[in-house]
Amino acid sequence: MRKPLMMILLIFISLTAFAYEYHGPESELIELINSERDAKGIPPIALNWEVSRLARYKSEEMKTHQMFTHESLLYGDPSELLIRFHVPFNKIGANIAMGHETPKEVFDSWLNSSGHKANIVNPSFTSAGVGLSCDDNGIYYWTLILVQE
């Protein structure tokens, strides 16, 4: 009886991973990031659905608790978040932003900050996820988590 249940679970997990797609502002932000990396001769970052899910958790948390910090009330710092959800990584970087309504606005803001830009153009980061959440007042919360696997 356990074998069929395990097969169903594995199929569900596989379908969930393949069904995860970026649409809208999240995909636009990744395109802008990869365009900047390409202009600097840096390979593009690949989308990681697990990291994207966690970036969304982080953005939702910032919205829910009206907070703006890398340190999560629930999960700790970004590396602790990935560890808690068993997402493997060798190196991690995280950019957050609040108030920018469009991917271009948040991207330009990050490029004008040396630390945020350093994460975006760091060639050791090979994959990433983006999370976006908007509160009832129209305030946007952005999370970019970059990882070296």
N, C-alpha and C. Protein backbone atom coordinates (compact mmCIF):
# COMPACT_ATOMS: atom_id res chain seq x y z
N MET A 1 0.81 -1.19 0.00
CA MET A 1 0.00 0.00 0.00
C MET A 1 0.86 1.27 0.00
N ARG A 2 2.03 1.21 0.60
CA ARG A 2 2.89 2.39 0.67
C ARG A 2 3.49 2.74 -0.69
N LYS A 3 3.77 1.73 -1.51
CA LYS A 3 4.40 1.98 -2.79
C LYS A 3 3.53 2.85 -3.72
N PRO A 4 2.24 2.55 -3.89
CA PRO A 4 1.42 3.43 -4.73
C PRO A 4 1.33 4.86 -4.19
N LEU A 5 1.26 5.00 -2.88
CA LEU A 5 1.21 6.33 -2.28
C LEU A 5 2.49 7.10 -2.56
N MET A 6 3.62 6.44 -2.46
CA MET A 6 4.91 7.09 -2.75
C MET A 6 4.97 7.51 -4.22
N MET A 7 4.48 6.67 -5.11
CA MET A 7 4.49 7.00 -6.54
C MET A 7 3.63 8.23 -6.81
N ILE A 8 2.47 8.30 -6.19
CA ILE A 8 1.59 9.45 -6.37
C ILE A 8 2.28 10.71 -5.86
N LEU A 9 2.92 10.61 -4.71
CA LEU A 9 3.62 11.75 -4.13
C LEU A 9 4.76 12.21 -5.04
N LEU A 10 5.54 11.28 -5.57
CA LEU A 10 6.65 11.64 -6.46
C LEU A 10 6.13 12.29 -7.75
N ILE A 11 5.04 11.79 -8.28
CA ILE A 11 4.46 12.38 -9.49
C ILE A 11 3.99 13.80 -9.19
N PHE A 12 3.32 13.99 -8.05
CA PHE A 12 2.84 15.32 -7.67
C PHE A 12 4.00 16.30 -7.54
N ILE A 13 5.05 15.89 -6.86
CA ILE A 13 6.21 16.76 -6.68
C ILE A 13 6.83 17.10 -8.02
N SER A 14 6.96 16.13 -8.90
CA SER A 14 7.53 16.37 -10.23
C SER A 14 6.68 17.34 -11.04
N LEU A 15 5.36 17.13 -11.02
CA LEU A 15 4.47 18.01 -11.77
C LEU A 15 4.48 19.41 -11.19
N THR A 16 4.56 19.52 -9.89
CA THR A 16 4.62 20.84 -9.25
C THR A 16 5.87 21.58 -9.69
N ALA A 17 6.99 20.90 -9.72
CA ALA A 17 8.25 21.54 -10.12
C ALA A 17 8.20 21.99 -11.57
N PHE A 18 7.66 21.15 -12.45
CA PHE A 18 7.62 21.52 -13.86
C PHE A 18 6.54 22.55 -14.16
N ALA A 19 5.49 22.58 -13.35
CA ALA A 19 4.39 23.51 -13.57
C ALA A 19 4.72 24.92 -13.11
N TYR A 20 5.77 25.07 -12.31
CA TYR A 20 6.10 26.38 -11.78
C TYR A 20 6.70 27.22 -12.88
N GLU A 21 6.03 28.29 -13.23
CA GLU A 21 6.52 29.18 -14.26
C GLU A 21 6.44 30.62 -13.77
N TYR A 22 7.31 31.43 -14.28
CA TYR A 22 7.25 32.85 -13.99
C TYR A 22 6.33 33.52 -14.98
N HIS A 23 5.57 34.46 -14.50
CA HIS A 23 4.74 35.28 -15.36
C HIS A 23 4.79 36.70 -14.82
N GLY A 24 4.64 37.66 -15.68
CA GLY A 24 4.52 39.03 -15.24
C GLY A 24 5.79 39.62 -14.69
N PRO A 25 5.64 40.42 -13.62
CA PRO A 25 6.77 41.20 -13.10
C PRO A 25 7.97 40.36 -12.66
N GLU A 26 7.73 39.18 -12.12
CA GLU A 26 8.85 38.34 -11.68
C GLU A 26 9.72 37.94 -12.85
N SER A 27 9.09 37.53 -13.96
CA SER A 27 9.88 37.13 -15.13
C SER A 27 10.57 38.33 -15.75
N GLU A 28 9.91 39.49 -15.73
CA GLU A 28 10.54 40.70 -16.26
C GLU A 28 11.80 41.06 -15.48
N LEU A 29 11.76 40.91 -14.17
CA LEU A 29 12.93 41.22 -13.35
C LEU A 29 14.09 40.27 -13.67
N ILE A 30 13.80 39.00 -13.82
CA ILE A 30 14.84 38.03 -14.18
C ILE A 30 15.43 38.37 -15.55
N GLU A 31 14.58 38.77 -16.49
CA GLU A 31 15.07 39.17 -17.82
C GLU A 31 16.01 40.37 -17.73
N LEU A 32 15.65 41.35 -16.91
CA LEU A 32 16.51 42.53 -16.73
C LEU A 32 17.85 42.14 -16.10
N ILE A 33 17.79 41.27 -15.12
CA ILE A 33 19.02 40.80 -14.46
C ILE A 33 19.91 40.08 -15.45
N ASN A 34 19.32 39.18 -16.24
CA ASN A 34 20.12 38.43 -17.20
C ASN A 34 20.64 39.31 -18.33
N SER A 35 19.90 40.36 -18.67
CA SER A 35 20.38 41.31 -19.67
C SER A 35 21.63 42.05 -19.16
N GLU A 36 21.59 42.45 -17.89
CA GLU A 36 22.75 43.11 -17.28
C GLU A 36 23.94 42.17 -17.20
N ARG A 37 23.69 40.93 -16.82
CA ARG A 37 24.77 39.94 -16.73
C ARG A 37 25.37 39.70 -18.11
N ASP A 38 24.50 39.59 -19.13
CA ASP A 38 24.97 39.36 -20.49
C ASP A 38 25.84 40.52 -20.96
N ALA A 39 25.44 41.75 -20.64
CA ALA A 39 26.21 42.93 -21.04
C ALA A 39 27.60 42.94 -20.41
N LYS A 40 27.74 42.27 -19.29
CA LYS A 40 29.04 42.20 -18.60
C LYS A 40 29.77 40.89 -18.90
N GLY A 41 29.22 40.07 -19.81
CA GLY A 41 29.86 38.82 -20.17
C GLY A 41 29.70 37.73 -19.11
N ILE A 42 28.68 37.84 -18.29
CA ILE A 42 28.43 36.88 -17.20
C ILE A 42 27.29 35.97 -17.63
N PRO A 43 27.43 34.66 -17.43
CA PRO A 43 26.34 33.75 -17.80
C PRO A 43 25.03 34.11 -17.08
N PRO A 44 23.90 33.82 -17.72
CA PRO A 44 22.62 34.12 -17.11
C PRO A 44 22.37 33.23 -15.88
N ILE A 45 21.52 33.72 -15.00
CA ILE A 45 21.09 32.89 -13.87
C ILE A 45 19.90 32.05 -14.33
N ALA A 46 19.83 30.84 -13.83
CA ALA A 46 18.71 29.96 -14.13
C ALA A 46 17.65 30.13 -13.05
N LEU A 47 16.42 29.95 -13.42
CA LEU A 47 15.34 30.01 -12.45
C LEU A 47 15.31 28.72 -11.65
N ASN A 48 15.14 28.86 -10.36
CA ASN A 48 15.05 27.71 -9.46
C ASN A 48 13.69 27.80 -8.77
N TRP A 49 12.80 26.86 -9.05
CA TRP A 49 11.44 26.96 -8.53
C TRP A 49 11.41 26.88 -7.00
N GLU A 50 12.33 26.12 -6.41
CA GLU A 50 12.34 26.04 -4.94
C GLU A 50 12.77 27.37 -4.32
N VAL A 51 13.78 27.99 -4.89
CA VAL A 51 14.24 29.28 -4.39
C VAL A 51 13.18 30.35 -4.63
N SER A 52 12.48 30.26 -5.75
CA SER A 52 11.40 31.19 -6.05
C SER A 52 10.29 31.09 -5.01
N ARG A 53 9.94 29.90 -4.64
CA ARG A 53 8.91 29.68 -3.62
C ARG A 53 9.31 30.35 -2.31
N LEU A 54 10.57 30.21 -1.94
CA LEU A 54 11.05 30.78 -0.68
C LEU A 54 11.15 32.32 -0.77
N ALA A 55 11.50 32.83 -1.94
CA ALA A 55 11.52 34.29 -2.13
C ALA A 55 10.11 34.85 -1.98
N ARG A 56 9.14 34.10 -2.46
CA ARG A 56 7.75 34.55 -2.29
C ARG A 56 7.34 34.51 -0.83
N TYR A 57 7.76 33.48 -0.12
CA TYR A 57 7.49 33.43 1.33
C TYR A 57 8.03 34.68 2.02
N LYS A 58 9.25 35.05 1.66
CA LYS A 58 9.90 36.21 2.28
C LYS A 58 9.14 37.50 1.95
N SER A 59 8.75 37.67 0.70
CA SER A 59 7.99 38.87 0.32
C SER A 59 6.64 38.92 1.03
N GLU A 60 5.98 37.78 1.12
CA GLU A 60 4.70 37.71 1.82
C GLU A 60 4.86 38.07 3.30
N GLU A 61 5.93 37.58 3.89
CA GLU A 61 6.17 37.88 5.30
C GLU A 61 6.40 39.38 5.51
N MET A 62 7.18 40.00 4.64
CA MET A 62 7.42 41.44 4.77
C MET A 62 6.10 42.20 4.65
N LYS A 63 5.26 41.78 3.71
CA LYS A 63 3.96 42.43 3.54
C LYS A 63 3.09 42.22 4.77
N THR A 64 2.95 41.00 5.21
CA THR A 64 2.07 40.66 6.33
C THR A 64 2.45 41.38 7.61
N HIS A 65 3.75 41.47 7.87
CA HIS A 65 4.23 42.07 9.12
C HIS A 65 4.67 43.52 8.95
N GLN A 66 4.45 44.08 7.73
CA GLN A 66 4.83 45.47 7.45
C GLN A 66 6.25 45.75 7.91
N MET A 67 7.17 44.88 7.46
CA MET A 67 8.57 45.01 7.86
C MET A 67 9.45 45.02 6.62
N PHE A 68 10.63 45.57 6.76
CA PHE A 68 11.57 45.60 5.66
C PHE A 68 12.95 45.29 6.19
N THR A 69 13.28 44.01 6.18
CA THR A 69 14.57 43.54 6.69
C THR A 69 14.89 42.18 6.07
N HIS A 70 16.19 41.93 5.94
CA HIS A 70 16.62 40.62 5.44
C HIS A 70 16.35 39.52 6.47
N GLU A 71 16.34 39.89 7.72
CA GLU A 71 16.13 38.91 8.80
C GLU A 71 14.64 38.60 8.93
N SER A 72 14.29 37.36 8.78
CA SER A 72 12.90 36.92 8.84
C SER A 72 12.49 36.62 10.27
N LEU A 73 11.29 37.00 10.63
CA LEU A 73 10.75 36.65 11.94
C LEU A 73 10.56 35.14 12.08
N LEU A 74 10.19 34.52 10.97
CA LEU A 74 9.87 33.09 10.98
C LEU A 74 11.06 32.20 10.63
N TYR A 75 11.92 32.67 9.73
CA TYR A 75 12.93 31.79 9.15
C TYR A 75 14.37 32.19 9.41
N GLY A 76 14.62 33.33 10.00
CA GLY A 76 15.99 33.78 10.20
C GLY A 76 16.52 34.49 8.97
N ASP A 77 17.83 34.43 8.77
CA ASP A 77 18.42 35.10 7.60
C ASP A 77 18.19 34.24 6.35
N PRO A 78 18.49 34.77 5.15
CA PRO A 78 18.20 34.02 3.92
C PRO A 78 18.84 32.62 3.87
N SER A 79 20.04 32.47 4.42
CA SER A 79 20.65 31.12 4.39
C SER A 79 19.88 30.16 5.30
N GLU A 80 19.41 30.66 6.44
CA GLU A 80 18.62 29.81 7.34
C GLU A 80 17.29 29.40 6.70
N LEU A 81 16.73 30.30 5.89
CA LEU A 81 15.50 29.99 5.16
C LEU A 81 15.72 28.81 4.23
N LEU A 82 16.79 28.85 3.45
CA LEU A 82 17.06 27.74 2.53
C LEU A 82 17.37 26.45 3.28
N ILE A 83 18.12 26.56 4.37
CA ILE A 83 18.44 25.37 5.16
C ILE A 83 17.16 24.75 5.73
N ARG A 84 16.29 25.59 6.27
CA ARG A 84 15.04 25.10 6.87
C ARG A 84 14.19 24.31 5.88
N PHE A 85 14.22 24.72 4.60
CA PHE A 85 13.41 24.06 3.58
C PHE A 85 14.24 23.08 2.73
N HIS A 86 15.44 22.76 3.21
CA HIS A 86 16.30 21.73 2.60
C HIS A 86 16.65 22.03 1.14
N VAL A 87 16.91 23.30 0.86
CA VAL A 87 17.34 23.70 -0.48
C VAL A 87 18.86 23.83 -0.45
N PRO A 88 19.56 22.99 -1.20
CA PRO A 88 21.03 23.00 -1.14
C PRO A 88 21.62 24.24 -1.81
N PHE A 89 22.72 24.72 -1.23
CA PHE A 89 23.44 25.86 -1.80
C PHE A 89 24.84 25.88 -1.22
N ASN A 90 25.76 26.50 -1.95
CA ASN A 90 27.11 26.72 -1.47
C ASN A 90 27.33 28.17 -1.06
N LYS A 91 26.61 29.06 -1.73
CA LYS A 91 26.73 30.49 -1.47
C LYS A 91 25.37 31.12 -1.73
N ILE A 92 25.06 32.18 -0.99
CA ILE A 92 23.75 32.83 -1.16
C ILE A 92 23.90 34.35 -1.11
N GLY A 93 23.07 35.02 -1.87
CA GLY A 93 22.96 36.46 -1.82
C GLY A 93 21.48 36.82 -1.88
N ALA A 94 21.11 37.91 -1.25
CA ALA A 94 19.70 38.31 -1.26
C ALA A 94 19.57 39.81 -1.39
N ASN A 95 18.67 40.23 -2.27
CA ASN A 95 18.30 41.63 -2.42
C ASN A 95 16.83 41.75 -2.07
N ILE A 96 16.48 42.77 -1.30
CA ILE A 96 15.08 43.05 -1.05
C ILE A 96 14.81 44.51 -1.40
N ALA A 97 13.56 44.80 -1.69
CA ALA A 97 13.16 46.17 -2.01
C ALA A 97 11.70 46.35 -1.60
N MET A 98 11.35 47.60 -1.34
CA MET A 98 9.98 47.91 -0.96
C MET A 98 9.56 49.21 -1.63
N GLY A 99 8.35 49.23 -2.16
CA GLY A 99 7.79 50.44 -2.71
C GLY A 99 7.90 50.60 -4.21
N HIS A 100 8.80 49.90 -4.84
CA HIS A 100 8.96 50.00 -6.30
C HIS A 100 7.83 49.22 -6.97
N GLU A 101 7.15 49.88 -7.89
CA GLU A 101 5.97 49.25 -8.51
C GLU A 101 6.29 48.38 -9.71
N THR A 102 7.38 48.65 -10.39
CA THR A 102 7.68 47.89 -11.60
C THR A 102 9.03 47.18 -11.48
N PRO A 103 9.21 46.14 -12.27
CA PRO A 103 10.51 45.46 -12.27
C PRO A 103 11.65 46.41 -12.64
N LYS A 104 11.41 47.32 -13.58
CA LYS A 104 12.44 48.27 -14.00
C LYS A 104 12.83 49.19 -12.85
N GLU A 105 11.85 49.65 -12.07
CA GLU A 105 12.15 50.52 -10.93
C GLU A 105 13.01 49.80 -9.89
N VAL A 106 12.63 48.57 -9.55
CA VAL A 106 13.41 47.85 -8.53
C VAL A 106 14.78 47.49 -9.07
N PHE A 107 14.86 47.11 -10.33
CA PHE A 107 16.13 46.78 -10.95
C PHE A 107 17.07 47.99 -10.95
N ASP A 108 16.56 49.15 -11.38
CA ASP A 108 17.39 50.37 -11.41
C ASP A 108 17.86 50.74 -10.00
N SER A 109 16.98 50.57 -9.02
CA SER A 109 17.34 50.85 -7.64
C SER A 109 18.49 49.95 -7.19
N TRP A 110 18.39 48.68 -7.50
CA TRP A 110 19.45 47.74 -7.12
C TRP A 110 20.76 48.05 -7.84
N LEU A 111 20.68 48.45 -9.10
CA LEU A 111 21.91 48.77 -9.83
C LEU A 111 22.59 50.02 -9.27
N ASN A 112 21.83 50.89 -8.63
CA ASN A 112 22.40 52.11 -8.04
C ASN A 112 22.90 51.89 -6.62
N SER A 113 22.87 50.66 -6.16
CA SER A 113 23.39 50.30 -4.84
C SER A 113 24.53 49.30 -5.05
N SER A 114 25.70 49.64 -4.56
CA SER A 114 26.87 48.79 -4.84
C SER A 114 26.69 47.36 -4.34
N GLY A 115 26.14 47.18 -3.16
CA GLY A 115 25.96 45.83 -2.62
C GLY A 115 24.95 45.01 -3.41
N HIS A 116 23.83 45.64 -3.77
CA HIS A 116 22.80 44.94 -4.54
C HIS A 116 23.31 44.61 -5.95
N LYS A 117 23.99 45.58 -6.55
CA LYS A 117 24.54 45.35 -7.89
C LYS A 117 25.57 44.21 -7.87
N ALA A 118 26.39 44.20 -6.81
CA ALA A 118 27.40 43.14 -6.70
C ALA A 118 26.74 41.76 -6.71
N ASN A 119 25.61 41.62 -6.05
CA ASN A 119 24.89 40.33 -6.08
C ASN A 119 24.42 40.01 -7.49
N ILE A 120 23.84 40.99 -8.16
CA ILE A 120 23.29 40.76 -9.50
C ILE A 120 24.36 40.33 -10.49
N VAL A 121 25.54 40.92 -10.43
CA VAL A 121 26.59 40.61 -11.42
C VAL A 121 27.64 39.63 -10.90
N ASN A 122 27.38 39.01 -9.78
CA ASN A 122 28.33 38.04 -9.24
C ASN A 122 28.27 36.75 -10.06
N PRO A 123 29.34 36.41 -10.78
CA PRO A 123 29.30 35.23 -11.65
C PRO A 123 29.20 33.90 -10.91
N SER A 124 29.47 33.91 -9.60
CA SER A 124 29.37 32.64 -8.87
C SER A 124 27.91 32.23 -8.61
N PHE A 125 26.98 33.19 -8.71
CA PHE A 125 25.57 32.83 -8.56
C PHE A 125 25.06 32.23 -9.86
N THR A 126 24.49 31.05 -9.75
CA THR A 126 24.07 30.30 -10.93
C THR A 126 22.56 30.17 -11.07
N SER A 127 21.83 30.37 -9.99
CA SER A 127 20.37 30.31 -10.07
C SER A 127 19.76 31.28 -9.08
N ALA A 128 18.47 31.53 -9.26
CA ALA A 128 17.81 32.52 -8.42
C ALA A 128 16.31 32.30 -8.40
N GLY A 129 15.69 33.00 -7.48
CA GLY A 129 14.23 33.06 -7.41
C GLY A 129 13.81 34.46 -7.03
N VAL A 130 12.65 34.87 -7.51
CA VAL A 130 12.10 36.19 -7.21
C VAL A 130 10.76 36.02 -6.54
N GLY A 131 10.54 36.82 -5.51
CA GLY A 131 9.24 36.86 -4.85
C GLY A 131 8.70 38.28 -4.87
N LEU A 132 7.41 38.41 -5.08
CA LEU A 132 6.76 39.71 -5.13
C LEU A 132 5.43 39.61 -4.40
N SER A 133 5.16 40.61 -3.57
CA SER A 133 3.87 40.68 -2.89
C SER A 133 3.48 42.14 -2.78
N CYS A 134 2.18 42.40 -2.83
CA CYS A 134 1.68 43.78 -2.76
C CYS A 134 0.60 43.85 -1.69
N ASP A 135 0.71 44.84 -0.80
CA ASP A 135 -0.28 44.96 0.27
C ASP A 135 -1.51 45.75 -0.19
N ASP A 136 -2.47 45.88 0.70
CA ASP A 136 -3.73 46.56 0.37
C ASP A 136 -3.55 48.04 0.05
N ASN A 137 -2.43 48.62 0.44
CA ASN A 137 -2.14 50.02 0.17
C ASN A 137 -1.34 50.22 -1.11
N GLY A 138 -1.10 49.13 -1.84
CA GLY A 138 -0.36 49.22 -3.09
C GLY A 138 1.14 49.28 -2.92
N ILE A 139 1.64 48.86 -1.76
CA ILE A 139 3.08 48.83 -1.53
C ILE A 139 3.62 47.46 -1.92
N TYR A 140 4.62 47.47 -2.79
CA TYR A 140 5.20 46.23 -3.29
C TYR A 140 6.42 45.83 -2.47
N TYR A 141 6.56 44.53 -2.24
CA TYR A 141 7.70 43.95 -1.52
C TYR A 141 8.35 42.94 -2.46
N TRP A 142 9.63 43.17 -2.73
CA TRP A 142 10.40 42.35 -3.68
C TRP A 142 11.49 41.58 -2.93
N THR A 143 11.69 40.34 -3.31
CA THR A 143 12.80 39.54 -2.79
C THR A 143 13.48 38.84 -3.96
N LEU A 144 14.78 38.96 -4.02
CA LEU A 144 15.62 38.23 -4.98
C LEU A 144 16.60 37.41 -4.17
N ILE A 145 16.55 36.09 -4.35
CA ILE A 145 17.52 35.22 -3.68
C ILE A 145 18.35 34.57 -4.78
N LEU A 146 19.66 34.77 -4.72
CA LEU A 146 20.60 34.19 -5.68
C LEU A 146 21.42 33.13 -4.97
N VAL A 147 21.65 32.03 -5.66
CA VAL A 147 22.43 30.96 -5.04
C VAL A 147 23.48 30.41 -6.01
N GLN A 148 24.52 29.90 -5.39
CA GLN A 148 25.49 29.07 -6.08
C GLN A 148 25.21 27.67 -5.57
N GLU A 149 24.90 26.79 -6.47
CA GLU A 149 24.52 25.42 -6.07
C GLU A 149 25.72 24.54 -5.91
